PDB file of all heavy atoms in Angstrom:
ATOM      1  N   ASN A   1      92.904 -17.393  18.817  1.00  0.00           N
ATOM      2  CA  ASN A   1      92.809 -16.358  19.849  1.00  0.00           C
ATOM      3  C   ASN A   1      92.117 -15.106  19.326  1.00  0.00           C
ATOM      4  O   ASN A   1      91.404 -14.429  20.073  1.00  0.00           O
ATOM      5  CB  ASN A   1      94.194 -16.036  20.409  1.00  0.00           C
ATOM      6  CG  ASN A   1      94.708 -17.145  21.290  1.00  0.00           C
ATOM      7  OD1 ASN A   1      93.943 -17.831  21.961  1.00  0.00           O
ATOM      8  ND2 ASN A   1      96.012 -17.340  21.289  1.00  0.00           N
ATOM      9  N   GLN A   2      92.299 -14.808  18.046  1.00  0.00           N
ATOM     10  CA  GLN A   2      91.577 -13.679  17.461  1.00  0.00           C
ATOM     11  C   GLN A   2      90.070 -13.954  17.447  1.00  0.00           C
ATOM     12  O   GLN A   2      89.271 -13.064  17.731  1.00  0.00           O
ATOM     13  CB  GLN A   2      92.085 -13.398  16.048  1.00  0.00           C
ATOM     14  CG  GLN A   2      93.463 -12.802  16.007  1.00  0.00           C
ATOM     15  CD  GLN A   2      93.994 -12.655  14.588  1.00  0.00           C
ATOM     16  OE1 GLN A   2      93.352 -13.042  13.615  1.00  0.00           O
ATOM     17  NE2 GLN A   2      95.187 -12.093  14.473  1.00  0.00           N
ATOM     18  N   VAL A   3      89.696 -15.183  17.132  1.00  0.00           N
ATOM     19  CA  VAL A   3      88.280 -15.552  17.137  1.00  0.00           C
ATOM     20  C   VAL A   3      87.726 -15.452  18.555  1.00  0.00           C
ATOM     21  O   VAL A   3      86.654 -14.891  18.782  1.00  0.00           O
ATOM     22  CB  VAL A   3      88.060 -16.963  16.552  1.00  0.00           C
ATOM     23  CG1 VAL A   3      86.620 -17.418  16.760  1.00  0.00           C
ATOM     24  CG2 VAL A   3      88.428 -16.991  15.069  1.00  0.00           C
ATOM     25  N   LEU A   4      88.468 -15.970  19.533  1.00  0.00           N
ATOM     26  CA  LEU A   4      88.016 -15.891  20.929  1.00  0.00           C
ATOM     27  C   LEU A   4      87.860 -14.440  21.381  1.00  0.00           C
ATOM     28  O   LEU A   4      86.877 -14.102  22.045  1.00  0.00           O
ATOM     29  CB  LEU A   4      88.985 -16.632  21.851  1.00  0.00           C
ATOM     30  CG  LEU A   4      88.905 -18.144  21.808  1.00  0.00           C
ATOM     31  CD1 LEU A   4      90.079 -18.763  22.568  1.00  0.00           C
ATOM     32  CD2 LEU A   4      87.579 -18.638  22.363  1.00  0.00           C
ATOM     33  N   ALA A   5      88.799 -13.585  21.030  1.00  0.00           N
ATOM     34  CA  ALA A   5      88.703 -12.168  21.409  1.00  0.00           C
ATOM     35  C   ALA A   5      87.495 -11.519  20.742  1.00  0.00           C
ATOM     36  O   ALA A   5      86.785 -10.718  21.371  1.00  0.00           O
ATOM     37  CB  ALA A   5      89.990 -11.433  21.028  1.00  0.00           C
ATOM     38  N   PHE A   6      87.235 -11.864  19.492  1.00  0.00           N
ATOM     39  CA  PHE A   6      86.074 -11.337  18.783  1.00  0.00           C
ATOM     40  C   PHE A   6      84.779 -11.758  19.478  1.00  0.00           C
ATOM     41  O   PHE A   6      83.875 -10.941  19.680  1.00  0.00           O
ATOM     42  CB  PHE A   6      86.116 -11.822  17.328  1.00  0.00           C
ATOM     43  CG  PHE A   6      84.961 -11.385  16.488  1.00  0.00           C
ATOM     44  CD1 PHE A   6      84.764 -10.044  16.181  1.00  0.00           C
ATOM     45  CD2 PHE A   6      84.061 -12.310  15.985  1.00  0.00           C
ATOM     46  CE1 PHE A   6      83.703  -9.638  15.386  1.00  0.00           C
ATOM     47  CE2 PHE A   6      82.996 -11.925  15.191  1.00  0.00           C
ATOM     48  CZ  PHE A   6      82.815 -10.587  14.892  1.00  0.00           C
ATOM     49  N   ILE A   7      84.707 -13.011  19.876  1.00  0.00           N
ATOM     50  CA  ILE A   7      83.525 -13.493  20.606  1.00  0.00           C
ATOM     51  C   ILE A   7      83.412 -12.762  21.934  1.00  0.00           C
ATOM     52  O   ILE A   7      82.349 -12.249  22.288  1.00  0.00           O
ATOM     53  CB  ILE A   7      83.601 -15.016  20.824  1.00  0.00           C
ATOM     54  CG1 ILE A   7      83.479 -15.764  19.495  1.00  0.00           C
ATOM     55  CG2 ILE A   7      82.531 -15.471  21.813  1.00  0.00           C
ATOM     56  CD1 ILE A   7      83.802 -17.247  19.570  1.00  0.00           C
ATOM     57  N   GLU A   8      84.501 -12.708  22.683  1.00  0.00           N
ATOM     58  CA  GLU A   8      84.493 -12.078  24.004  1.00  0.00           C
ATOM     59  C   GLU A   8      84.083 -10.612  23.937  1.00  0.00           C
ATOM     60  O   GLU A   8      83.431 -10.103  24.850  1.00  0.00           O
ATOM     61  CB  GLU A   8      85.875 -12.203  24.638  1.00  0.00           C
ATOM     62  CG  GLU A   8      85.968 -11.570  25.988  1.00  0.00           C
ATOM     63  CD  GLU A   8      87.368 -11.626  26.573  1.00  0.00           C
ATOM     64  OE1 GLU A   8      88.277 -12.132  25.908  1.00  0.00           O
ATOM     65  OE2 GLU A   8      87.534 -11.136  27.697  1.00  0.00           O
ATOM     66  N   ASN A   9      84.437  -9.952  22.849  1.00  0.00           N
ATOM     67  CA  ASN A   9      84.153  -8.525  22.727  1.00  0.00           C
ATOM     68  C   ASN A   9      82.817  -8.222  22.079  1.00  0.00           C
ATOM     69  O   ASN A   9      82.526  -7.079  21.757  1.00  0.00           O
ATOM     70  CB  ASN A   9      85.293  -7.829  21.989  1.00  0.00           C
ATOM     71  CG  ASN A   9      86.517  -7.743  22.864  1.00  0.00           C
ATOM     72  OD1 ASN A   9      86.424  -7.408  24.044  1.00  0.00           O
ATOM     73  ND2 ASN A   9      87.671  -8.079  22.310  1.00  0.00           N
ATOM     74  N   GLY A  10      81.981  -9.246  21.880  1.00  0.00           N
ATOM     75  CA  GLY A  10      80.606  -8.979  21.485  1.00  0.00           C
ATOM     76  C   GLY A  10      80.232  -9.267  20.053  1.00  0.00           C
ATOM     77  O   GLY A  10      79.125  -8.920  19.642  1.00  0.00           O
ATOM     78  N   LEU A  11      81.137  -9.852  19.251  1.00  0.00           N
ATOM     79  CA  LEU A  11      80.792 -10.220  17.872  1.00  0.00           C
ATOM     80  C   LEU A  11      80.275  -9.031  17.071  1.00  0.00           C
ATOM     81  O   LEU A  11      79.285  -9.128  16.351  1.00  0.00           O
ATOM     82  CB  LEU A  11      79.750 -11.352  17.857  1.00  0.00           C
ATOM     83  CG  LEU A  11      80.138 -12.656  18.540  1.00  0.00           C
ATOM     84  CD1 LEU A  11      78.898 -13.530  18.753  1.00  0.00           C
ATOM     85  CD2 LEU A  11      81.175 -13.399  17.734  1.00  0.00           C
ATOM     86  N   HIS A  12      80.936  -7.895  17.184  1.00  0.00           N
ATOM     87  CA  HIS A  12      80.485  -6.692  16.488  1.00  0.00           C
ATOM     88  C   HIS A  12      80.964  -6.694  15.040  1.00  0.00           C
ATOM     89  O   HIS A  12      82.153  -6.905  14.769  1.00  0.00           O
ATOM     90  CB  HIS A  12      80.981  -5.436  17.195  1.00  0.00           C
ATOM     91  CG  HIS A  12      80.423  -5.303  18.568  1.00  0.00           C
ATOM     92  ND1 HIS A  12      79.077  -5.110  18.796  1.00  0.00           N
ATOM     93  CD2 HIS A  12      81.012  -5.369  19.787  1.00  0.00           C
ATOM     94  CE1 HIS A  12      78.865  -5.054  20.102  1.00  0.00           C
ATOM     95  NE2 HIS A  12      80.019  -5.214  20.721  1.00  0.00           N
ATOM     96  N   SER A  13      80.059  -6.465  14.123  1.00  0.00           N
ATOM     97  CA  SER A  13      80.379  -6.473  12.690  1.00  0.00           C
ATOM     98  C   SER A  13      81.532  -5.560  12.342  1.00  0.00           C
ATOM     99  O   SER A  13      82.351  -5.890  11.494  1.00  0.00           O
ATOM    100  CB  SER A  13      79.148  -6.065  11.870  1.00  0.00           C
ATOM    101  OG  SER A  13      78.133  -7.015  11.999  1.00  0.00           O
ATOM    102  N   ASP A  14      81.603  -4.400  12.995  1.00  0.00           N
ATOM    103  CA  ASP A  14      82.668  -3.454  12.670  1.00  0.00           C
ATOM    104  C   ASP A  14      84.042  -3.951  13.107  1.00  0.00           C
ATOM    105  O   ASP A  14      85.057  -3.432  12.657  1.00  0.00           O
ATOM    106  CB  ASP A  14      82.378  -2.068  13.240  1.00  0.00           C
ATOM    107  CG  ASP A  14      82.195  -2.056  14.750  1.00  0.00           C
ATOM    108  OD1 ASP A  14      82.038  -3.137  15.352  1.00  0.00           O
ATOM    109  OD2 ASP A  14      82.197  -0.959  15.327  1.00  0.00           O
ATOM    110  N   ALA A  15      84.101  -4.967  13.952  1.00  0.00           N
ATOM    111  CA  ALA A  15      85.374  -5.549  14.376  1.00  0.00           C
ATOM    112  C   ALA A  15      85.689  -6.848  13.629  1.00  0.00           C
ATOM    113  O   ALA A  15      86.684  -7.506  13.910  1.00  0.00           O
ATOM    114  CB  ALA A  15      85.352  -5.815  15.883  1.00  0.00           C
ATOM    115  N   PHE A  16      84.836  -7.208  12.671  1.00  0.00           N
ATOM    116  CA  PHE A  16      85.012  -8.439  11.910  1.00  0.00           C
ATOM    117  C   PHE A  16      85.981  -8.176  10.755  1.00  0.00           C
ATOM    118  O   PHE A  16      85.610  -7.714   9.692  1.00  0.00           O
ATOM    119  CB  PHE A  16      83.660  -8.944  11.402  1.00  0.00           C
ATOM    120  CG  PHE A  16      83.710 -10.294  10.763  1.00  0.00           C
ATOM    121  CD1 PHE A  16      84.182 -11.394  11.451  1.00  0.00           C
ATOM    122  CD2 PHE A  16      83.269 -10.472   9.464  1.00  0.00           C
ATOM    123  CE1 PHE A  16      84.214 -12.647  10.864  1.00  0.00           C
ATOM    124  CE2 PHE A  16      83.288 -11.716   8.870  1.00  0.00           C
ATOM    125  CZ  PHE A  16      83.775 -12.812   9.574  1.00  0.00           C
ATOM    126  N   THR A  17      87.249  -8.479  11.005  1.00  0.00           N
ATOM    127  CA  THR A  17      88.323  -8.175  10.063  1.00  0.00           C
ATOM    128  C   THR A  17      88.415  -9.212   8.950  1.00  0.00           C
ATOM    129  O   THR A  17      87.830 -10.295   9.025  1.00  0.00           O
ATOM    130  CB  THR A  17      89.671  -8.127  10.797  1.00  0.00           C
ATOM    131  OG1 THR A  17      89.960  -9.452  11.293  1.00  0.00           O
ATOM    132  CG2 THR A  17      89.658  -7.125  11.942  1.00  0.00           C
ATOM    133  N   ASN A  18      89.209  -8.885   7.948  1.00  0.00           N
ATOM    134  CA  ASN A  18      89.469  -9.839   6.873  1.00  0.00           C
ATOM    135  C   ASN A  18      90.129 -11.109   7.414  1.00  0.00           C
ATOM    136  O   ASN A  18      89.833 -12.205   6.945  1.00  0.00           O
ATOM    137  CB  ASN A  18      90.345  -9.217   5.793  1.00  0.00           C
ATOM    138  CG  ASN A  18      89.580  -8.265   4.909  1.00  0.00           C
ATOM    139  OD1 ASN A  18      88.394  -8.438   4.651  1.00  0.00           O
ATOM    140  ND2 ASN A  18      90.249  -7.226   4.451  1.00  0.00           N
ATOM    141  N   ASP A  19      91.033 -10.971   8.383  1.00  0.00           N
ATOM    142  CA  ASP A  19      91.678 -12.145   8.974  1.00  0.00           C
ATOM    143  C   ASP A  19      90.653 -13.045   9.669  1.00  0.00           C
ATOM    144  O   ASP A  19      90.700 -14.270   9.528  1.00  0.00           O
ATOM    145  CB  ASP A  19      92.766 -11.740   9.970  1.00  0.00           C
ATOM    146  CG  ASP A  19      94.011 -11.198   9.302  1.00  0.00           C
ATOM    147  OD1 ASP A  19      94.199 -11.409   8.082  1.00  0.00           O
ATOM    148  OD2 ASP A  19      94.820 -10.566  10.009  1.00  0.00           O
ATOM    149  N   LEU A  20      89.737 -12.457  10.431  1.00  0.00           N
ATOM    150  CA  LEU A  20      88.694 -13.247  11.076  1.00  0.00           C
ATOM    151  C   LEU A  20      87.805 -13.923  10.040  1.00  0.00           C
ATOM    152  O   LEU A  20      87.454 -15.102  10.178  1.00  0.00           O
ATOM    153  CB  LEU A  20      87.847 -12.372  12.003  1.00  0.00           C
ATOM    154  CG  LEU A  20      88.487 -11.970  13.319  1.00  0.00           C
ATOM    155  CD1 LEU A  20      87.700 -10.841  13.972  1.00  0.00           C
ATOM    156  CD2 LEU A  20      88.587 -13.168  14.241  1.00  0.00           C
ATOM    157  N   TYR A  21      87.438 -13.177   9.021  1.00  0.00           N
ATOM    158  CA  TYR A  21      86.618 -13.738   7.945  1.00  0.00           C
ATOM    159  C   TYR A  21      87.316 -14.941   7.319  1.00  0.00           C
ATOM    160  O   TYR A  21      86.705 -15.995   7.125  1.00  0.00           O
ATOM    161  CB  TYR A  21      86.335 -12.658   6.896  1.00  0.00           C
ATOM    162  CG  TYR A  21      85.710 -13.164   5.629  1.00  0.00           C
ATOM    163  CD1 TYR A  21      84.444 -13.737   5.633  1.00  0.00           C
ATOM    164  CD2 TYR A  21      86.376 -13.054   4.418  1.00  0.00           C
ATOM    165  CE1 TYR A  21      83.860 -14.193   4.462  1.00  0.00           C
ATOM    166  CE2 TYR A  21      85.802 -13.509   3.242  1.00  0.00           C
ATOM    167  CZ  TYR A  21      84.545 -14.076   3.267  1.00  0.00           C
ATOM    168  OH  TYR A  21      83.973 -14.525   2.113  1.00  0.00           O
ATOM    169  N   HIS A  22      88.592 -14.806   7.011  1.00  0.00           N
ATOM    170  CA  HIS A  22      89.332 -15.907   6.390  1.00  0.00           C
ATOM    171  C   HIS A  22      89.377 -17.116   7.325  1.00  0.00           C
ATOM    172  O   HIS A  22      89.119 -18.250   6.899  1.00  0.00           O
ATOM    173  CB  HIS A  22      90.750 -15.463   6.031  1.00  0.00           C
ATOM    174  CG  HIS A  22      91.533 -16.545   5.365  1.00  0.00           C
ATOM    175  ND1 HIS A  22      92.329 -17.423   6.062  1.00  0.00           N
ATOM    176  CD2 HIS A  22      91.612 -16.901   4.071  1.00  0.00           C
ATOM    177  CE1 HIS A  22      92.863 -18.282   5.225  1.00  0.00           C
ATOM    178  NE2 HIS A  22      92.451 -17.989   4.008  1.00  0.00           N
ATOM    179  N   THR A  23      89.680 -16.903   8.583  1.00  0.00           N
ATOM    180  CA  THR A  23      89.749 -18.008   9.541  1.00  0.00           C
ATOM    181  C   THR A  23      88.414 -18.727   9.644  1.00  0.00           C
ATOM    182  O   THR A  23      88.345 -19.952   9.562  1.00  0.00           O
ATOM    183  CB  THR A  23      90.188 -17.505  10.929  1.00  0.00           C
ATOM    184  OG1 THR A  23      91.509 -16.953  10.824  1.00  0.00           O
ATOM    185  CG2 THR A  23      90.192 -18.618  11.953  1.00  0.00           C
ATOM    186  N   LEU A  24      87.341 -17.977   9.825  1.00  0.00           N
ATOM    187  CA  LEU A  24      86.028 -18.603  10.004  1.00  0.00           C
ATOM    188  C   LEU A  24      85.509 -19.238   8.710  1.00  0.00           C
ATOM    189  O   LEU A  24      84.996 -20.355   8.737  1.00  0.00           O
ATOM    190  CB  LEU A  24      85.020 -17.593  10.547  1.00  0.00           C
ATOM    191  CG  LEU A  24      85.221 -17.230  12.010  1.00  0.00           C
ATOM    192  CD1 LEU A  24      84.364 -16.031  12.396  1.00  0.00           C
ATOM    193  CD2 LEU A  24      84.899 -18.418  12.900  1.00  0.00           C
ATOM    194  N   SER A  25      85.654 -18.564   7.595  1.00  0.00           N
ATOM    195  CA  SER A  25      85.066 -19.078   6.357  1.00  0.00           C
ATOM    196  C   SER A  25      85.888 -20.197   5.726  1.00  0.00           C
ATOM    197  O   SER A  25      85.363 -20.943   4.897  1.00  0.00           O
ATOM    198  CB  SER A  25      84.852 -17.950   5.347  1.00  0.00           C
ATOM    199  OG  SER A  25      86.089 -17.419   4.907  1.00  0.00           O
ATOM    200  N   HIS A  26      87.149 -20.347   6.132  1.00  0.00           N
ATOM    201  CA  HIS A  26      87.985 -21.391   5.553  1.00  0.00           C
ATOM    202  C   HIS A  26      88.289 -22.554   6.504  1.00  0.00           C
ATOM    203  O   HIS A  26      88.590 -23.652   6.044  1.00  0.00           O
ATOM    204  CB  HIS A  26      89.319 -20.805   5.084  1.00  0.00           C
ATOM    205  CG  HIS A  26      89.207 -19.983   3.853  1.00  0.00           C
ATOM    206  ND1 HIS A  26      88.860 -18.653   3.887  1.00  0.00           N
ATOM    207  CD2 HIS A  26      89.371 -20.289   2.553  1.00  0.00           C
ATOM    208  CE1 HIS A  26      88.838 -18.178   2.656  1.00  0.00           C
ATOM    209  NE2 HIS A  26      89.132 -19.150   1.823  1.00  0.00           N
ATOM    210  N   HIS A  27      88.253 -22.306   7.808  1.00  0.00           N
ATOM    211  CA  HIS A  27      88.806 -23.297   8.729  1.00  0.00           C
ATOM    212  C   HIS A  27      87.894 -23.772   9.850  1.00  0.00           C
ATOM    213  O   HIS A  27      88.137 -24.835  10.404  1.00  0.00           O
ATOM    214  CB  HIS A  27      90.085 -22.757   9.379  1.00  0.00           C
ATOM    215  CG  HIS A  27      91.134 -22.357   8.405  1.00  0.00           C
ATOM    216  ND1 HIS A  27      91.744 -23.253   7.552  1.00  0.00           N
ATOM    217  CD2 HIS A  27      91.686 -21.157   8.133  1.00  0.00           C
ATOM    218  CE1 HIS A  27      92.625 -22.632   6.810  1.00  0.00           C
ATOM    219  NE2 HIS A  27      92.618 -21.360   7.127  1.00  0.00           N
ATOM    220  N   LEU A  28      86.915 -22.994  10.259  1.00  0.00           N
ATOM    221  CA  LEU A  28      86.226 -23.323  11.500  1.00  0.00           C
ATOM    222  C   LEU A  28      84.733 -23.558  11.330  1.00  0.00           C
ATOM    223  O   LEU A  28      84.033 -22.806  10.641  1.00  0.00           O
ATOM    224  CB  LEU A  28      86.435 -22.208  12.532  1.00  0.00           C
ATOM    225  CG  LEU A  28      87.879 -21.954  12.948  1.00  0.00           C
ATOM    226  CD1 LEU A  28      87.949 -20.783  13.922  1.00  0.00           C
ATOM    227  CD2 LEU A  28      88.514 -23.195  13.553  1.00  0.00           C
ATOM    228  N   PHE A  29      84.241 -24.586  12.003  1.00  0.00           N
ATOM    229  CA  PHE A  29      82.826 -24.850  12.231  1.00  0.00           C
ATOM    230  C   PHE A  29      82.002 -25.035  10.957  1.00  0.00           C
ATOM    231  O   PHE A  29      80.801 -24.812  10.957  1.00  0.00           O
ATOM    232  CB  PHE A  29      82.203 -23.759  13.115  1.00  0.00           C
ATOM    233  CG  PHE A  29      82.987 -23.490  14.358  1.00  0.00           C
ATOM    234  CD1 PHE A  29      83.496 -22.234  14.634  1.00  0.00           C
ATOM    235  CD2 PHE A  29      83.246 -24.517  15.265  1.00  0.00           C
ATOM    236  CE1 PHE A  29      84.227 -21.998  15.786  1.00  0.00           C
ATOM    237  CE2 PHE A  29      83.988 -24.286  16.417  1.00  0.00           C
ATOM    238  CZ  PHE A  29      84.472 -23.024  16.682  1.00  0.00           C
ATOM    239  N   GLY A  30      82.647 -25.437   9.858  1.00  0.00           N
ATOM    240  CA  GLY A  30      81.920 -25.715   8.626  1.00  0.00           C
ATOM    241  C   GLY A  30      81.315 -24.494   7.959  1.00  0.00           C
ATOM    242  O   GLY A  30      80.388 -24.619   7.163  1.00  0.00           O
ATOM    243  N   HIS A  31      81.839 -23.312   8.276  1.00  0.00           N
ATOM    244  CA  HIS A  31      81.308 -22.093   7.656  1.00  0.00           C
ATOM    245  C   HIS A  31      81.664 -22.034   6.181  1.00  0.00           C
ATOM    246  O   HIS A  31      82.617 -22.657   5.731  1.00  0.00           O
ATOM    247  CB  HIS A  31      81.870 -20.845   8.357  1.00  0.00           C
ATOM    248  CG  HIS A  31      81.264 -20.573   9.676  1.00  0.00           C
ATOM    249  ND1 HIS A  31      79.951 -20.191   9.836  1.00  0.00           N
ATOM    250  CD2 HIS A  31      81.780 -20.649  10.924  1.00  0.00           C
ATOM    251  CE1 HIS A  31      79.689 -20.021  11.122  1.00  0.00           C
ATOM    252  NE2 HIS A  31      80.776 -20.304  11.801  1.00  0.00           N
ATOM    253  N   ILE A  32      80.904 -21.231   5.463  1.00  0.00           N
ATOM    254  CA  ILE A  32      81.186 -20.955   4.063  1.00  0.00           C
ATOM    255  C   ILE A  32      81.389 -19.453   3.907  1.00  0.00           C
ATOM    256  O   ILE A  32      81.151 -18.681   4.840  1.00  0.00           O
ATOM    257  CB  ILE A  32      80.059 -21.451   3.138  1.00  0.00           C
ATOM    258  CG1 ILE A  32      78.733 -20.781   3.506  1.00  0.00           C
ATOM    259  CG2 ILE A  32      79.945 -22.973   3.207  1.00  0.00           C
ATOM    260  CD1 ILE A  32      77.600 -21.059   2.523  1.00  0.00           C
ATOM    261  N   ALA A  33      81.807 -19.045   2.744  1.00  0.00           N
ATOM    262  CA  ALA A  33      82.229 -17.662   2.536  1.00  0.00           C
ATOM    263  C   ALA A  33      81.103 -16.634   2.533  1.00  0.00           C
ATOM    264  O   ALA A  33      81.341 -15.472   2.814  1.00  0.00           O
ATOM    265  CB  ALA A  33      83.008 -17.549   1.228  1.00  0.00           C
ATOM    266  N   HIS A  34      79.864 -16.997   2.161  1.00  0.00           N
ATOM    267  CA  HIS A  34      78.759 -16.027   2.057  1.00  0.00           C
ATOM    268  C   HIS A  34      79.099 -14.899   1.100  1.00  0.00           C
ATOM    269  O   HIS A  34      78.791 -13.738   1.350  1.00  0.00           O
ATOM    270  CB  HIS A  34      78.391 -15.449   3.432  1.00  0.00           C
ATOM    271  CG  HIS A  34      77.781 -16.439   4.348  1.00  0.00           C
ATOM    272  ND1 HIS A  34      76.481 -16.826   4.256  1.00  0.00           N
ATOM    273  CD2 HIS A  34      78.316 -17.160   5.365  1.00  0.00           C
ATOM    274  CE1 HIS A  34      76.215 -17.729   5.188  1.00  0.00           C
ATOM    275  NE2 HIS A  34      77.317 -17.951   5.868  1.00  0.00           N
ATOM    276  N   PHE A  35      79.794 -15.166   0.049  1.00  0.00           N
ATOM    277  CA  PHE A  35      80.200 -14.250  -1.005  1.00  0.00           C
ATOM    278  C   PHE A  35      81.343 -13.335  -0.591  1.00  0.00           C
ATOM    279  O   PHE A  35      82.309 -13.188  -1.303  1.00  0.00           O
ATOM    280  CB  PHE A  35      79.018 -13.428  -1.530  1.00  0.00           C
ATOM    281  CG  PHE A  35      79.379 -12.576  -2.715  1.00  0.00           C
ATOM    282  CD1 PHE A  35      79.708 -13.146  -3.924  1.00  0.00           C
ATOM    283  CD2 PHE A  35      79.411 -11.207  -2.606  1.00  0.00           C
ATOM    284  CE1 PHE A  35      80.062 -12.365  -5.014  1.00  0.00           C
ATOM    285  CE2 PHE A  35      79.759 -10.408  -3.699  1.00  0.00           C
ATOM    286  CZ  PHE A  35      80.084 -10.999  -4.901  1.00  0.00           C
ATOM    287  N   ASN A  36      81.259 -12.693   0.570  1.00  0.00           N
ATOM    288  CA  ASN A  36      82.355 -11.839   1.034  1.00  0.00           C
ATOM    289  C   ASN A  36      82.211 -11.612   2.545  1.00  0.00           C
ATOM    290  O   ASN A  36      81.265 -12.080   3.180  1.00  0.00           O
ATOM    291  CB  ASN A  36      82.399 -10.512   0.263  1.00  0.00           C
ATOM    292  CG  ASN A  36      81.167  -9.655   0.458  1.00  0.00           C
ATOM    293  OD1 ASN A  36      80.469  -9.729   1.470  1.00  0.00           O
ATOM    294  ND2 ASN A  36      80.869  -8.822  -0.531  1.00  0.00           N
ATOM    295  N   ARG A  37      83.165 -10.876   3.104  1.00  0.00           N
ATOM    296  CA  ARG A  37      83.190 -10.622   4.548  1.00  0.00           C
ATOM    297  C   ARG A  37      81.910  -9.936   5.011  1.00  0.00           C
ATOM    298  O   ARG A  37      81.353 -10.273   6.065  1.00  0.00           O
ATOM    299  CB  ARG A  37      84.416  -9.764   4.892  1.00  0.00           C
ATOM    300  CG  ARG A  37      84.512  -9.366   6.348  1.00  0.00           C
ATOM    301  CD  ARG A  37      85.812  -8.635   6.653  1.00  0.00           C
ATOM    302  NE  ARG A  37      86.007  -7.452   5.870  1.00  0.00           N
ATOM    303  CZ  ARG A  37      85.728  -6.221   6.261  1.00  0.00           C
ATOM    304  NH1 ARG A  37      85.200  -6.003   7.449  1.00  0.00           N
ATOM    305  NH2 ARG A  37      85.950  -5.197   5.482  1.00  0.00           N
TER     306      ARG A  37
END
């Protein structure tokens, strides 16, 4: 739901939290860490 809210609200970098980074880089859509958030 945090990912969905982030998408719905425009995918703004300033709203990309550590929790979102962890979820996306560890669990979803085959993403990788890209060194850091």
